[in-house]
Amino acid sequence: MFKRIQFIRILALILCVTTTVIAFPISSGAQSGSDKSATEPVSSDFSIISEIIQYLDEYSKVYYKKDGTYTAISSGEALHYKDDIG
């Protein structure tokens, strides 16, 4: 019974901290009137090795990069869809 109460207290603490962090806006550091478009990569070393098909869905795609990291791209509009051709 004690373990269950301790678990609930820890979970409540985690939820409180998460809610507090989410409640405060995070500055992106972006300047208004910037000449960069939203489609430009953040880093100049954006060397993509391959697209990871297993994680592909209608609104997002995941790339494996040269430095061993993964980058996810998501959109409010469909990136992938089936048309009459397939």
Protein backbone atom coordinates (compact mmCIF):
# COMPACT_ATOMS: atom_id res chain seq x y z
CA MET A 1 0.00 0.00 0.00
CA PHE A 2 2.88 2.35 0.83
CA LYS A 3 4.47 1.78 -2.59
CA ARG A 4 1.21 2.70 -4.32
CA ILE A 5 0.92 5.98 -2.35
CA GLN A 6 4.57 6.78 -3.06
CA PHE A 7 4.03 6.09 -6.77
CA ILE A 8 0.97 8.39 -6.85
CA ARG A 9 2.92 11.17 -5.10
CA ILE A 10 5.83 10.90 -7.55
CA LEU A 11 3.42 10.87 -10.49
CA ALA A 12 1.63 13.94 -9.11
CA LEU A 13 4.96 15.74 -8.72
CA ILE A 14 5.98 14.91 -12.29
CA LEU A 15 2.64 16.13 -13.62
CA CYS A 16 2.89 19.38 -11.62
CA VAL A 17 6.38 20.09 -12.89
CA THR A 18 5.40 19.27 -16.47
CA THR A 19 2.31 21.49 -16.29
CA THR A 20 4.34 24.35 -14.84
CA VAL A 21 7.00 24.09 -17.55
CA ILE A 22 4.40 23.96 -20.32
CA ALA A 23 2.52 26.96 -18.91
CA PHE A 24 5.45 29.32 -19.50
CA PRO A 25 6.14 30.34 -23.10
CA ILE A 26 9.57 29.44 -24.39
CA SER A 27 11.36 32.02 -26.48
CA SER A 28 12.49 30.59 -29.78
CA GLY A 29 15.11 33.27 -30.27
CA ALA A 30 13.73 34.00 -33.72
CA GLN A 31 13.70 37.60 -34.82
CA SER A 32 10.71 39.05 -36.58
CA GLY A 33 11.40 39.93 -40.17
CA SER A 34 14.02 37.23 -40.55
CA ASP A 35 15.00 36.40 -44.13
CA LYS A 36 15.12 32.66 -43.48
CA SER A 37 12.19 30.58 -44.62
CA ALA A 38 10.65 27.85 -42.50
CA THR A 39 11.87 25.19 -44.93
CA GLU A 40 15.57 26.00 -44.58
CA PRO A 41 17.55 23.67 -42.32
CA VAL A 42 18.70 25.03 -38.97
CA SER A 43 22.19 23.66 -39.41
CA SER A 44 24.34 23.80 -42.51
CA ASP A 45 25.38 20.19 -41.75
CA PHE A 46 22.04 18.66 -42.67
CA SER A 47 23.53 15.71 -44.54
CA ILE A 48 20.72 13.18 -44.93
CA ILE A 49 21.73 9.59 -45.53
CA SER A 50 18.24 8.12 -45.86
CA GLU A 51 14.57 8.49 -45.07
CA ILE A 52 13.31 6.00 -42.46
CA ILE A 53 10.25 4.46 -44.12
CA GLN A 54 9.09 2.63 -40.96
CA TYR A 55 8.26 5.97 -39.29
CA LEU A 56 6.60 7.52 -42.34
CA ASP A 57 3.00 8.62 -41.95
CA GLU A 58 0.65 11.01 -43.69
CA TYR A 59 1.89 14.12 -41.87
CA SER A 60 5.52 13.40 -41.06
CA LYS A 61 8.77 11.80 -42.14
CA VAL A 62 11.98 10.88 -40.35
CA TYR A 63 15.49 11.16 -41.76
CA TYR A 64 18.72 9.48 -40.66
CA LYS A 65 21.57 11.99 -40.84
CA LYS A 66 25.28 11.66 -41.47
CA ASP A 67 26.17 12.51 -37.85
CA GLY A 68 24.12 9.52 -36.56
CA THR A 69 21.09 11.51 -35.42
CA TYR A 70 17.51 11.44 -36.61
CA THR A 71 15.46 14.43 -37.73
CA ALA A 72 11.67 14.42 -37.86
CA ILE A 73 9.78 16.72 -40.17
CA SER A 74 6.06 17.23 -39.54
CA SER A 75 3.43 19.31 -41.26
CA GLY A 76 -0.14 20.44 -40.73
CA GLU A 77 -0.83 19.41 -44.30
CA ALA A 78 -0.46 15.92 -45.70
CA LEU A 79 3.07 15.20 -46.92
CA HIS A 80 2.19 11.74 -48.20
CA TYR A 81 -1.06 10.64 -49.73
CA LYS A 82 -2.38 8.16 -52.24
CA ASP A 83 -3.90 9.43 -55.44
CA ASP A 84 -5.44 7.66 -58.43
CA ILE A 85 -2.01 6.48 -59.57
CA GLY A 86 -1.05 5.06 -56.18
